[in-house]
Amino acid sequence: QVQLVESGGGLVQAGGSLRLSCAASGSIFRINLMGWYRQAPGKQRELVAHITSGRSTNYADSVKGRFTISRDNAKNTVYLQMNSLKPEDTSVYYCNAQILGSDYIVRGYWGQGTQVTVSS
C-alpha cells in the first residue's frame, strides 16, 4: 500500500505565499513523475506543475513565474512553493505520484487534497 499525505494549505491574502508538501510512504521501489493538480468548485481538475525523477519540470501557464515545484527523492516528498498568490488560485490542491512498486508495476496515486484559499 502507498499513501500520499499532503500538508501546508490554508488561508492567505492576495500577494502572499504558501508552501505545500506531499510525502509518499509505503511499498515504494521508485517514484517517477510527481505533480500537483488543483480543482476549484464547479471546475475540472487541472495540472498545476509536475516534476520528473530527474527534476525536469513543467508548469501551467497560469502559474509560471509564481510557483516552483521541487522534490526530495531521499524523503519521497514533493513540494510546491506558491508566491504572489491570487484569488483565482483558490482551489483544493491534490498531489499525484506515479510509483513503481516492489512488484515492478507503475501505479498512479492521489493525495487527499488540501484547501488553499486566497482572499482579495
N, C-alpha and C. Protein backbone atom coordinates (compact mmCIF):
# COMPACT_ATOMS: atom_id res chain seq x y z
N GLN A 1 0.83 -1.19 0.00
CA GLN A 1 0.00 0.00 0.00
C GLN A 1 0.87 1.25 0.00
N VAL A 2 0.40 2.25 -0.71
CA VAL A 2 1.10 3.52 -0.79
C VAL A 2 0.15 4.64 -0.35
N GLN A 3 0.66 5.55 0.42
CA GLN A 3 -0.12 6.72 0.83
C GLN A 3 0.61 8.00 0.47
N LEU A 4 -0.16 9.01 0.06
CA LEU A 4 0.36 10.35 -0.15
C LEU A 4 -0.31 11.25 0.87
N VAL A 5 0.48 11.93 1.66
CA VAL A 5 -0.06 12.81 2.70
C VAL A 5 0.39 14.23 2.42
N GLU A 6 -0.59 15.11 2.24
CA GLU A 6 -0.31 16.50 1.92
C GLU A 6 -0.42 17.37 3.16
N SER A 7 0.28 18.48 3.12
CA SER A 7 0.18 19.47 4.19
C SER A 7 0.56 20.84 3.64
N GLY A 8 0.18 21.88 4.38
CA GLY A 8 0.62 23.21 4.04
C GLY A 8 -0.43 24.14 3.47
N GLY A 9 -1.63 23.67 3.26
CA GLY A 9 -2.67 24.55 2.75
C GLY A 9 -3.13 25.53 3.81
N GLY A 10 -4.01 26.44 3.42
CA GLY A 10 -4.53 27.40 4.38
C GLY A 10 -5.10 28.62 3.71
N LEU A 11 -5.31 29.65 4.53
CA LEU A 11 -5.87 30.92 4.07
C LEU A 11 -4.77 31.96 4.04
N VAL A 12 -4.67 32.68 2.94
CA VAL A 12 -3.63 33.71 2.79
C VAL A 12 -4.21 34.87 2.00
N GLN A 13 -3.67 36.05 2.23
CA GLN A 13 -4.11 37.21 1.46
C GLN A 13 -3.46 37.23 0.10
N ALA A 14 -4.09 37.88 -0.84
CA ALA A 14 -3.52 38.03 -2.17
C ALA A 14 -2.13 38.65 -2.07
N GLY A 15 -1.20 38.08 -2.85
CA GLY A 15 0.17 38.53 -2.80
C GLY A 15 1.04 37.73 -1.85
N GLY A 16 0.40 36.91 -1.04
CA GLY A 16 1.12 36.11 -0.05
C GLY A 16 1.67 34.83 -0.63
N SER A 17 2.23 34.01 0.27
CA SER A 17 2.89 32.76 -0.14
C SER A 17 2.43 31.61 0.74
N LEU A 18 2.48 30.43 0.15
CA LEU A 18 2.26 29.19 0.87
C LEU A 18 3.19 28.14 0.27
N ARG A 19 3.50 27.15 1.10
CA ARG A 19 4.30 26.02 0.62
C ARG A 19 3.57 24.73 0.94
N LEU A 20 3.28 23.97 -0.10
CA LEU A 20 2.63 22.67 0.07
C LEU A 20 3.68 21.57 0.06
N SER A 21 3.42 20.54 0.85
CA SER A 21 4.28 19.36 0.87
C SER A 21 3.43 18.12 0.67
N CYS A 22 4.03 17.10 0.07
CA CYS A 22 3.35 15.83 -0.12
C CYS A 22 4.38 14.72 0.05
N ALA A 23 4.17 13.89 1.07
CA ALA A 23 5.10 12.81 1.36
C ALA A 23 4.47 11.47 1.01
N ALA A 24 5.21 10.66 0.29
CA ALA A 24 4.76 9.32 -0.08
C ALA A 24 5.38 8.30 0.87
N SER A 25 4.58 7.31 1.24
CA SER A 25 5.09 6.24 2.10
C SER A 25 4.45 4.92 1.70
N GLY A 26 5.11 3.83 2.10
CA GLY A 26 4.57 2.52 1.80
C GLY A 26 5.52 1.71 0.95
N SER A 27 4.93 0.82 0.15
CA SER A 27 5.72 -0.09 -0.67
C SER A 27 6.16 0.60 -1.95
N ILE A 28 7.31 1.29 -1.87
CA ILE A 28 7.80 2.11 -2.98
C ILE A 28 9.16 1.61 -3.42
N PHE A 29 9.26 1.28 -4.72
CA PHE A 29 10.56 0.93 -5.28
C PHE A 29 11.21 2.18 -5.87
N ARG A 30 10.41 2.94 -6.62
CA ARG A 30 10.89 4.20 -7.19
C ARG A 30 9.69 5.08 -7.52
N ILE A 31 9.87 6.39 -7.32
CA ILE A 31 8.83 7.34 -7.70
C ILE A 31 9.24 8.01 -9.00
N ASN A 32 8.42 7.90 -10.01
CA ASN A 32 8.71 8.53 -11.29
C ASN A 32 8.19 9.97 -11.25
N LEU A 33 7.13 10.25 -11.97
CA LEU A 33 6.60 11.60 -12.03
C LEU A 33 5.84 11.95 -10.75
N MET A 34 6.04 13.18 -10.27
CA MET A 34 5.26 13.71 -9.16
C MET A 34 4.67 15.04 -9.58
N GLY A 35 3.48 15.33 -9.11
CA GLY A 35 2.87 16.57 -9.56
C GLY A 35 1.81 17.10 -8.62
N TRP A 36 1.39 18.30 -8.91
CA TRP A 36 0.30 18.96 -8.19
C TRP A 36 -0.80 19.33 -9.18
N TYR A 37 -2.02 19.04 -8.78
CA TYR A 37 -3.20 19.41 -9.54
C TYR A 37 -4.07 20.25 -8.62
N ARG A 38 -5.03 20.94 -9.21
CA ARG A 38 -5.99 21.68 -8.39
C ARG A 38 -7.37 21.61 -9.01
N GLN A 39 -8.36 21.75 -8.15
CA GLN A 39 -9.74 21.71 -8.61
C GLN A 39 -10.56 22.71 -7.82
N ALA A 40 -11.10 23.69 -8.52
CA ALA A 40 -11.99 24.68 -7.92
C ALA A 40 -13.43 24.20 -8.04
N PRO A 41 -14.33 24.69 -7.20
CA PRO A 41 -15.73 24.26 -7.27
C PRO A 41 -16.32 24.47 -8.66
N GLY A 42 -16.95 23.43 -9.18
CA GLY A 42 -17.59 23.53 -10.48
C GLY A 42 -16.66 23.45 -11.67
N LYS A 43 -15.37 23.22 -11.41
CA LYS A 43 -14.40 23.15 -12.50
C LYS A 43 -13.72 21.79 -12.52
N GLN A 44 -13.10 21.50 -13.66
CA GLN A 44 -12.35 20.25 -13.78
C GLN A 44 -11.01 20.36 -13.08
N ARG A 45 -10.51 19.23 -12.66
CA ARG A 45 -9.16 19.20 -12.08
C ARG A 45 -8.15 19.52 -13.17
N GLU A 46 -7.18 20.37 -12.82
CA GLU A 46 -6.19 20.79 -13.81
C GLU A 46 -4.78 20.62 -13.25
N LEU A 47 -3.86 20.40 -14.17
CA LEU A 47 -2.46 20.28 -13.78
C LEU A 47 -1.91 21.65 -13.40
N VAL A 48 -1.21 21.70 -12.28
CA VAL A 48 -0.51 22.92 -11.87
C VAL A 48 0.96 22.82 -12.27
N ALA A 49 1.59 21.71 -11.89
CA ALA A 49 3.01 21.51 -12.20
C ALA A 49 3.36 20.06 -11.98
N HIS A 50 4.37 19.58 -12.72
CA HIS A 50 4.90 18.26 -12.40
C HIS A 50 6.41 18.26 -12.55
N ILE A 51 7.02 17.25 -11.94
CA ILE A 51 8.47 17.15 -11.92
C ILE A 51 8.85 15.69 -12.08
N THR A 52 9.82 15.43 -12.94
CA THR A 52 10.27 14.06 -13.17
C THR A 52 11.28 13.65 -12.11
N SER A 53 11.66 12.38 -12.13
CA SER A 53 12.66 11.91 -11.18
C SER A 53 14.01 12.59 -11.42
N GLY A 54 14.22 13.05 -12.65
CA GLY A 54 15.44 13.78 -12.97
C GLY A 54 15.32 15.28 -12.74
N ARG A 55 14.18 15.68 -12.17
CA ARG A 55 13.90 17.07 -11.80
C ARG A 55 13.62 17.99 -12.98
N SER A 56 13.21 17.45 -14.11
CA SER A 56 12.66 18.29 -15.17
C SER A 56 11.26 18.71 -14.76
N THR A 57 10.91 19.96 -15.03
CA THR A 57 9.64 20.50 -14.55
C THR A 57 8.77 21.01 -15.70
N ASN A 58 7.48 21.09 -15.42
CA ASN A 58 6.52 21.64 -16.35
C ASN A 58 5.45 22.36 -15.54
N TYR A 59 5.02 23.53 -16.02
CA TYR A 59 4.06 24.35 -15.28
C TYR A 59 2.89 24.75 -16.16
N ALA A 60 1.74 24.92 -15.54
CA ALA A 60 0.62 25.54 -16.22
C ALA A 60 0.97 27.00 -16.48
N ASP A 61 0.50 27.54 -17.59
CA ASP A 61 0.81 28.93 -17.93
C ASP A 61 0.37 29.89 -16.83
N SER A 62 -0.72 29.57 -16.17
CA SER A 62 -1.29 30.47 -15.17
C SER A 62 -0.43 30.61 -13.92
N VAL A 63 0.53 29.70 -13.72
CA VAL A 63 1.35 29.77 -12.50
C VAL A 63 2.83 29.98 -12.79
N LYS A 64 3.20 30.00 -14.06
CA LYS A 64 4.61 30.20 -14.41
C LYS A 64 5.14 31.50 -13.83
N GLY A 65 6.32 31.41 -13.23
CA GLY A 65 6.94 32.59 -12.64
C GLY A 65 6.50 32.86 -11.22
N ARG A 66 5.45 32.17 -10.75
CA ARG A 66 4.96 32.38 -9.39
C ARG A 66 5.11 31.13 -8.52
N PHE A 67 4.94 29.96 -9.12
CA PHE A 67 5.01 28.70 -8.38
C PHE A 67 6.29 27.96 -8.76
N THR A 68 6.83 27.23 -7.80
CA THR A 68 8.01 26.41 -8.04
C THR A 68 7.80 25.02 -7.44
N ILE A 69 7.95 24.00 -8.27
CA ILE A 69 7.85 22.62 -7.79
C ILE A 69 9.24 22.06 -7.59
N SER A 70 9.39 21.28 -6.54
CA SER A 70 10.68 20.64 -6.26
C SER A 70 10.41 19.31 -5.57
N ARG A 71 11.44 18.49 -5.46
CA ARG A 71 11.28 17.21 -4.80
C ARG A 71 12.54 16.82 -4.07
N ASP A 72 12.35 16.02 -3.04
CA ASP A 72 13.46 15.44 -2.28
C ASP A 72 13.31 13.93 -2.42
N ASN A 73 14.11 13.34 -3.28
CA ASN A 73 13.96 11.91 -3.57
C ASN A 73 14.28 11.05 -2.34
N ALA A 74 15.17 11.51 -1.49
CA ALA A 74 15.52 10.74 -0.29
C ALA A 74 14.34 10.67 0.68
N LYS A 75 13.48 11.69 0.64
CA LYS A 75 12.34 11.74 1.55
C LYS A 75 11.03 11.38 0.85
N ASN A 76 11.10 11.03 -0.44
CA ASN A 76 9.89 10.72 -1.22
C ASN A 76 8.85 11.83 -1.09
N THR A 77 9.32 13.06 -1.19
CA THR A 77 8.47 14.22 -0.94
C THR A 77 8.56 15.21 -2.10
N VAL A 78 7.41 15.77 -2.44
CA VAL A 78 7.34 16.81 -3.44
C VAL A 78 6.78 18.07 -2.78
N TYR A 79 7.27 19.22 -3.23
CA TYR A 79 6.87 20.50 -2.66
C TYR A 79 6.32 21.41 -3.76
N LEU A 80 5.49 22.34 -3.34
CA LEU A 80 5.02 23.38 -4.25
C LEU A 80 5.10 24.70 -3.51
N GLN A 81 6.07 25.53 -3.89
CA GLN A 81 6.19 26.87 -3.33
C GLN A 81 5.34 27.81 -4.17
N MET A 82 4.37 28.45 -3.53
CA MET A 82 3.43 29.32 -4.23
C MET A 82 3.63 30.75 -3.74
N ASN A 83 4.07 31.61 -4.64
CA ASN A 83 4.28 33.02 -4.32
C ASN A 83 3.31 33.88 -5.13
N SER A 84 3.18 35.13 -4.71
CA SER A 84 2.31 36.08 -5.42
C SER A 84 0.94 35.48 -5.68
N LEU A 85 0.37 34.90 -4.66
CA LEU A 85 -0.91 34.21 -4.82
C LEU A 85 -2.03 35.17 -5.18
N LYS A 86 -2.94 34.67 -6.00
CA LYS A 86 -4.09 35.44 -6.47
C LYS A 86 -5.38 34.75 -6.03
N PRO A 87 -6.47 35.49 -5.93
CA PRO A 87 -7.74 34.86 -5.56
C PRO A 87 -8.12 33.71 -6.48
N GLU A 88 -7.74 33.80 -7.75
CA GLU A 88 -8.07 32.71 -8.69
C GLU A 88 -7.24 31.45 -8.46
N ASP A 89 -6.29 31.50 -7.57
CA ASP A 89 -5.54 30.29 -7.19
C ASP A 89 -6.30 29.48 -6.14
N THR A 90 -7.39 30.02 -5.63
CA THR A 90 -8.18 29.30 -4.63
C THR A 90 -8.72 28.01 -5.19
N SER A 91 -8.36 26.90 -4.56
CA SER A 91 -8.75 25.56 -5.02
C SER A 91 -8.39 24.55 -3.95
N VAL A 92 -8.83 23.33 -4.17
CA VAL A 92 -8.27 22.19 -3.46
C VAL A 92 -7.09 21.69 -4.29
N TYR A 93 -5.94 21.56 -3.66
CA TYR A 93 -4.74 21.12 -4.34
C TYR A 93 -4.47 19.66 -4.01
N TYR A 94 -4.23 18.87 -5.06
CA TYR A 94 -4.01 17.43 -4.92
C TYR A 94 -2.61 17.07 -5.40
N CYS A 95 -1.97 16.22 -4.65
CA CYS A 95 -0.68 15.66 -5.03
C CYS A 95 -0.93 14.37 -5.83
N ASN A 96 -0.10 14.14 -6.83
CA ASN A 96 -0.18 12.92 -7.62
C ASN A 96 1.22 12.36 -7.79
N ALA A 97 1.33 11.04 -7.75
CA ALA A 97 2.64 10.41 -7.97
C ALA A 97 2.46 9.13 -8.76
N GLN A 98 3.39 8.92 -9.68
CA GLN A 98 3.45 7.67 -10.45
C GLN A 98 4.56 6.82 -9.82
N ILE A 99 4.16 5.73 -9.18
CA ILE A 99 5.09 4.99 -8.32
C ILE A 99 5.27 3.56 -8.81
N LEU A 100 6.54 3.18 -8.92
CA LEU A 100 6.90 1.80 -9.24
C LEU A 100 6.97 1.02 -7.93
N GLY A 101 6.10 0.02 -7.80
CA GLY A 101 6.08 -0.75 -6.56
C GLY A 101 7.07 -1.90 -6.59
N SER A 102 7.10 -2.61 -5.49
CA SER A 102 8.03 -3.74 -5.37
C SER A 102 7.65 -4.87 -6.31
N ASP A 103 6.44 -4.81 -6.88
CA ASP A 103 6.01 -5.79 -7.88
C ASP A 103 6.35 -5.34 -9.30
N TYR A 104 7.07 -4.18 -9.40
CA TYR A 104 7.53 -3.64 -10.68
C TYR A 104 6.38 -3.18 -11.58
N ILE A 105 5.28 -2.81 -10.98
CA ILE A 105 4.15 -2.23 -11.70
C ILE A 105 4.03 -0.76 -11.30
N VAL A 106 3.86 0.12 -12.30
CA VAL A 106 3.70 1.55 -12.03
C VAL A 106 2.21 1.85 -11.83
N ARG A 107 1.91 2.49 -10.74
CA ARG A 107 0.53 2.88 -10.44
C ARG A 107 0.47 4.36 -10.09
N GLY A 108 -0.65 4.98 -10.36
CA GLY A 108 -0.86 6.37 -10.00
C GLY A 108 -1.59 6.49 -8.68
N TYR A 109 -1.15 7.43 -7.85
CA TYR A 109 -1.76 7.64 -6.54
C TYR A 109 -2.08 9.12 -6.36
N TRP A 110 -3.12 9.38 -5.58
CA TRP A 110 -3.55 10.74 -5.26
C TRP A 110 -3.52 10.97 -3.76
N GLY A 111 -3.19 12.18 -3.39
CA GLY A 111 -3.34 12.59 -2.00
C GLY A 111 -4.79 12.94 -1.72
N GLN A 112 -5.06 13.29 -0.46
CA GLN A 112 -6.44 13.56 -0.05
C GLN A 112 -6.89 14.98 -0.40
N GLY A 113 -5.96 15.82 -0.76
CA GLY A 113 -6.29 17.20 -1.10
C GLY A 113 -6.11 18.14 0.07
N THR A 114 -5.67 19.35 -0.24
CA THR A 114 -5.51 20.38 0.79
C THR A 114 -6.06 21.69 0.24
N GLN A 115 -6.85 22.37 1.05
CA GLN A 115 -7.52 23.59 0.61
C GLN A 115 -6.57 24.77 0.66
N VAL A 116 -6.54 25.52 -0.43
CA VAL A 116 -5.82 26.79 -0.48
C VAL A 116 -6.85 27.88 -0.80
N THR A 117 -6.95 28.87 0.07
CA THR A 117 -7.88 29.96 -0.12
C THR A 117 -7.13 31.28 -0.10
N VAL A 118 -7.28 32.06 -1.17
CA VAL A 118 -6.60 33.34 -1.28
C VAL A 118 -7.66 34.44 -1.24
N SER A 119 -7.57 35.29 -0.25
CA SER A 119 -8.54 36.37 -0.11
C SER A 119 -8.04 37.63 -0.80
N SER A 120 -8.99 38.40 -1.33
CA SER A 120 -8.61 39.62 -2.06
C SER A 120 -8.52 40.82 -1.14
